[in-house]
Amino acid sequence: MNPLDAARAIVEAAEARREFNDDPFEALRNKVRREYRHVAGVEAFLRSADFTTLVLEEARAVLRRSGIEPPEARS
């Protein structure tokens, strides 16, 4: 790896840590923005309640597949 590539890797790692530590939802929004910036309506979707609901539903599904009951289901 040349020095320029190494520097880029360090900056990307630092940005990823900063994004995750600040707000996981915002980090995910930023990732989607970067990957789908050419798609019309993506920004509106990212700011909608539908985005948050989708993320939370997926997180619950991952927990269930891992054998962990999501907190809402423990009552």
Protein backbone atom coordinates (compact mmCIF):
# COMPACT_ATOMS: atom_id res chain seq x y z
CA MET A 1 0.00 0.00 0.00
CA ASN A 2 1.45 3.34 -0.98
CA PRO A 3 1.43 6.27 1.49
CA LEU A 4 -1.48 8.02 -0.24
CA ASP A 5 -3.68 4.92 -0.03
CA ALA A 6 -2.69 4.43 3.61
CA ALA A 7 -3.64 8.03 4.41
CA ARG A 8 -7.00 7.61 2.69
CA ALA A 9 -7.67 4.42 4.66
CA ILE A 10 -6.89 6.18 7.94
CA VAL A 11 -9.20 9.10 7.09
CA GLU A 12 -12.02 6.74 6.08
CA ALA A 13 -11.65 4.74 9.30
CA ALA A 14 -11.71 7.92 11.39
CA GLU A 15 -14.81 9.15 9.57
CA ALA A 16 -16.57 5.81 10.07
CA ARG A 17 -15.83 5.85 13.81
CA ARG A 18 -16.98 9.45 14.12
CA GLU A 19 -20.21 8.76 12.23
CA PHE A 20 -21.03 5.70 14.32
CA ASN A 21 -20.18 7.33 17.63
CA ASP A 22 -22.21 10.44 16.88
CA ASP A 23 -25.46 8.81 15.81
CA PRO A 24 -25.89 5.34 14.28
CA PHE A 25 -29.00 6.45 12.36
CA GLU A 26 -27.13 9.41 10.87
CA ALA A 27 -24.19 7.16 9.97
CA LEU A 28 -26.57 4.88 8.10
CA ARG A 29 -28.22 7.85 6.40
CA ASN A 30 -24.79 9.08 5.27
CA LYS A 31 -23.92 5.66 3.87
CA VAL A 32 -27.20 5.51 1.93
CA ARG A 33 -26.69 9.08 0.71
CA ARG A 34 -23.26 8.20 -0.68
CA GLU A 35 -24.42 5.01 -2.37
CA TYR A 36 -27.80 6.22 -3.69
CA ARG A 37 -27.26 9.96 -4.22
CA HIS A 38 -28.39 9.57 -7.86
CA VAL A 39 -31.81 8.17 -6.86
CA ALA A 40 -34.63 10.71 -6.83
CA GLY A 41 -36.40 11.03 -3.50
CA VAL A 42 -33.73 9.33 -1.41
CA GLU A 43 -33.19 12.38 0.82
CA ALA A 44 -36.90 12.68 1.61
CA PHE A 45 -37.05 8.97 2.44
CA LEU A 46 -34.02 9.23 4.75
CA ARG A 47 -35.73 11.97 6.75
CA SER A 48 -39.08 10.18 6.93
CA ALA A 49 -40.49 8.03 9.71
CA ASP A 50 -40.52 5.18 7.18
CA PHE A 51 -36.71 5.09 7.23
CA THR A 52 -36.57 4.84 11.03
CA THR A 53 -39.30 2.17 11.06
CA LEU A 54 -37.49 0.15 8.41
CA VAL A 55 -34.21 0.27 10.33
CA LEU A 56 -35.86 -0.71 13.61
CA GLU A 57 -37.79 -3.58 12.00
CA GLU A 58 -34.59 -4.91 10.43
CA ALA A 59 -32.76 -4.63 13.77
CA ARG A 60 -35.53 -6.62 15.48
CA ALA A 61 -35.35 -9.29 12.77
CA VAL A 62 -31.58 -9.59 13.20
CA LEU A 63 -31.99 -9.95 16.95
CA ARG A 64 -34.62 -12.68 16.52
CA ARG A 65 -32.41 -14.57 14.04
CA SER A 66 -29.65 -14.39 16.65
CA GLY A 67 -31.92 -15.90 19.29
CA ILE A 68 -32.40 -12.63 21.17
CA GLU A 69 -35.89 -11.42 21.90
CA PRO A 70 -36.25 -7.69 21.10
CA PRO A 71 -37.09 -5.51 24.13
CA GLU A 72 -40.63 -4.70 22.89
CA ALA A 73 -41.54 -8.38 22.88
CA ARG A 74 -40.43 -9.10 26.48
CA SER A 75 -43.49 -7.80 28.31
